[in-house]
Amino acid sequence: QVQLVESGGGLVQPGGSLRLSCAASGIIFSRYVVAWYRQVPGKQREFVARIMSGPGTIYADPVKGRFAISRDNAKNTVYLHMNSLKSEDTAVYYCNGAGQWGQGTQVTVSS
């Protein structure tokens, strides 16, 4: 059974940093394209970043230069490193890979 579990969300001040984790079980995560999305109430889920099974990453324009997506294949985990956070980054962040979604982790950026 494939399962993705996100963690690492929380409350952070503007300008701060967080690292989100997406841990996979039941699959070899390195074989899959994995993406992060985010959603705020009343809006559609939006793409944030994607990491390929090989080299290569893609970022949405609002997070370019501030966020970085990476893998730790030994831990079967994908990370989203978020820096210079802004209030508009507040959302529930979801991991997607191998046709599965995680349960989401809340990120709140507020002073």
Protein backbone atom coordinates (compact mmCIF):
# COMPACT_ATOMS: atom_id res chain seq x y z
CA GLN A 1 0.00 0.00 0.00
CA VAL A 2 1.42 3.34 -1.09
CA GLN A 3 1.34 6.12 1.48
CA LEU A 4 2.73 9.66 1.52
CA VAL A 5 3.04 11.50 4.82
CA GLU A 6 3.86 15.20 5.01
CA SER A 7 5.34 16.91 8.05
CA GLY A 8 7.20 20.05 9.03
CA GLY A 9 4.50 22.66 8.78
CA GLY A 10 3.85 25.25 11.45
CA LEU A 11 3.69 28.92 12.31
CA VAL A 12 6.59 31.10 11.16
CA GLN A 13 7.18 34.84 10.98
CA PRO A 14 7.55 36.62 7.64
CA GLY A 15 11.09 36.21 6.36
CA GLY A 16 11.49 32.91 8.18
CA SER A 17 12.15 29.40 6.92
CA LEU A 18 10.60 25.97 7.14
CA ARG A 19 11.43 22.57 5.73
CA LEU A 20 8.56 20.30 4.74
CA SER A 21 9.05 16.56 4.40
CA CYS A 22 7.14 14.02 2.33
CA ALA A 23 7.96 10.49 3.40
CA ALA A 24 6.85 7.64 1.17
CA SER A 25 6.15 4.03 2.04
CA GLY A 26 5.24 1.14 -0.24
CA ILE A 27 7.21 2.49 -3.21
CA ILE A 28 10.75 3.41 -4.20
CA PHE A 29 10.20 7.15 -4.25
CA SER A 30 13.27 7.94 -6.33
CA ARG A 31 11.64 6.33 -9.36
CA TYR A 32 8.83 8.88 -9.44
CA VAL A 33 8.26 12.51 -10.27
CA VAL A 34 7.18 14.17 -7.03
CA ALA A 35 5.50 17.53 -6.66
CA TRP A 36 4.38 19.90 -3.94
CA TYR A 37 1.11 21.78 -4.19
CA ARG A 38 -0.63 24.19 -1.86
CA GLN A 39 -4.19 25.24 -1.22
CA VAL A 40 -5.94 27.98 0.67
CA PRO A 41 -9.63 27.84 1.58
CA GLY A 42 -11.88 28.79 -1.31
CA LYS A 43 -9.16 28.48 -3.94
CA GLN A 44 -7.93 25.74 -6.23
CA ARG A 45 -4.91 23.71 -5.30
CA GLU A 46 -1.88 25.25 -7.00
CA PHE A 47 1.43 23.85 -8.14
CA VAL A 48 4.51 24.83 -6.14
CA ALA A 49 7.48 22.69 -7.23
CA ARG A 50 8.37 19.43 -8.92
CA ILE A 51 11.40 17.15 -8.85
CA MET A 52 12.05 14.65 -11.62
CA SER A 53 13.08 11.03 -11.18
CA GLY A 54 16.38 12.10 -12.73
CA PRO A 55 18.04 15.49 -12.47
CA GLY A 56 15.74 18.43 -12.81
CA THR A 57 13.42 20.65 -10.84
CA ILE A 58 10.62 23.05 -11.77
CA TYR A 59 9.19 25.87 -9.68
CA ALA A 60 6.13 28.04 -9.83
CA ASP A 61 6.96 31.70 -10.42
CA PRO A 62 5.80 32.91 -6.97
CA VAL A 63 8.35 30.68 -5.19
CA LYS A 64 11.34 30.82 -7.57
CA GLY A 65 14.50 31.80 -5.75
CA ARG A 66 12.92 31.21 -2.34
CA PHE A 67 11.92 27.52 -2.30
CA ALA A 68 13.98 24.46 -3.16
CA ILE A 69 12.83 20.88 -3.66
CA SER A 70 15.21 18.00 -2.99
CA ARG A 71 15.33 14.24 -2.37
CA ASP A 72 16.97 11.96 0.15
CA ASN A 73 16.72 8.57 -1.54
CA ALA A 74 18.13 6.76 1.47
CA LYS A 75 15.20 8.07 3.52
CA ASN A 76 12.67 7.69 0.68
CA THR A 77 11.74 11.31 1.31
CA VAL A 78 11.28 14.50 -0.68
CA TYR A 79 11.75 17.89 0.96
CA LEU A 80 10.53 21.40 0.29
CA HIS A 81 12.91 23.99 1.72
CA MET A 82 11.07 27.29 2.10
CA ASN A 83 12.98 30.51 2.74
CA SER A 84 12.03 34.19 2.87
CA LEU A 85 8.47 33.20 3.63
CA LYS A 86 5.67 35.66 2.99
CA SER A 87 2.13 35.85 4.31
CA GLU A 88 0.86 34.79 0.90
CA ASP A 89 2.68 31.46 1.33
CA THR A 90 0.17 30.55 4.03
CA ALA A 91 -1.63 27.39 2.87
CA VAL A 92 -1.98 23.67 3.36
CA TYR A 93 0.90 22.03 1.50
CA TYR A 94 0.41 18.67 -0.18
CA CYS A 95 2.84 16.17 -1.62
CA ASN A 96 1.95 14.25 -4.79
CA GLY A 97 3.70 11.29 -6.32
CA ALA A 98 2.97 7.88 -7.85
CA GLY A 99 -0.65 8.90 -8.20
CA GLN A 100 -1.02 9.51 -4.48
CA TRP A 101 -1.61 12.56 -2.30
CA GLY A 102 -0.54 13.05 1.25
CA GLN A 103 -2.82 14.40 3.94
CA GLY A 104 -1.31 17.88 3.88
CA THR A 105 0.57 20.03 6.38
CA GLN A 106 -0.44 23.55 7.39
CA VAL A 107 2.00 26.41 6.91
CA THR A 108 1.07 29.73 8.46
CA VAL A 109 3.23 32.81 7.90
CA SER A 110 2.27 35.56 10.31
CA SER A 111 3.79 37.99 12.76
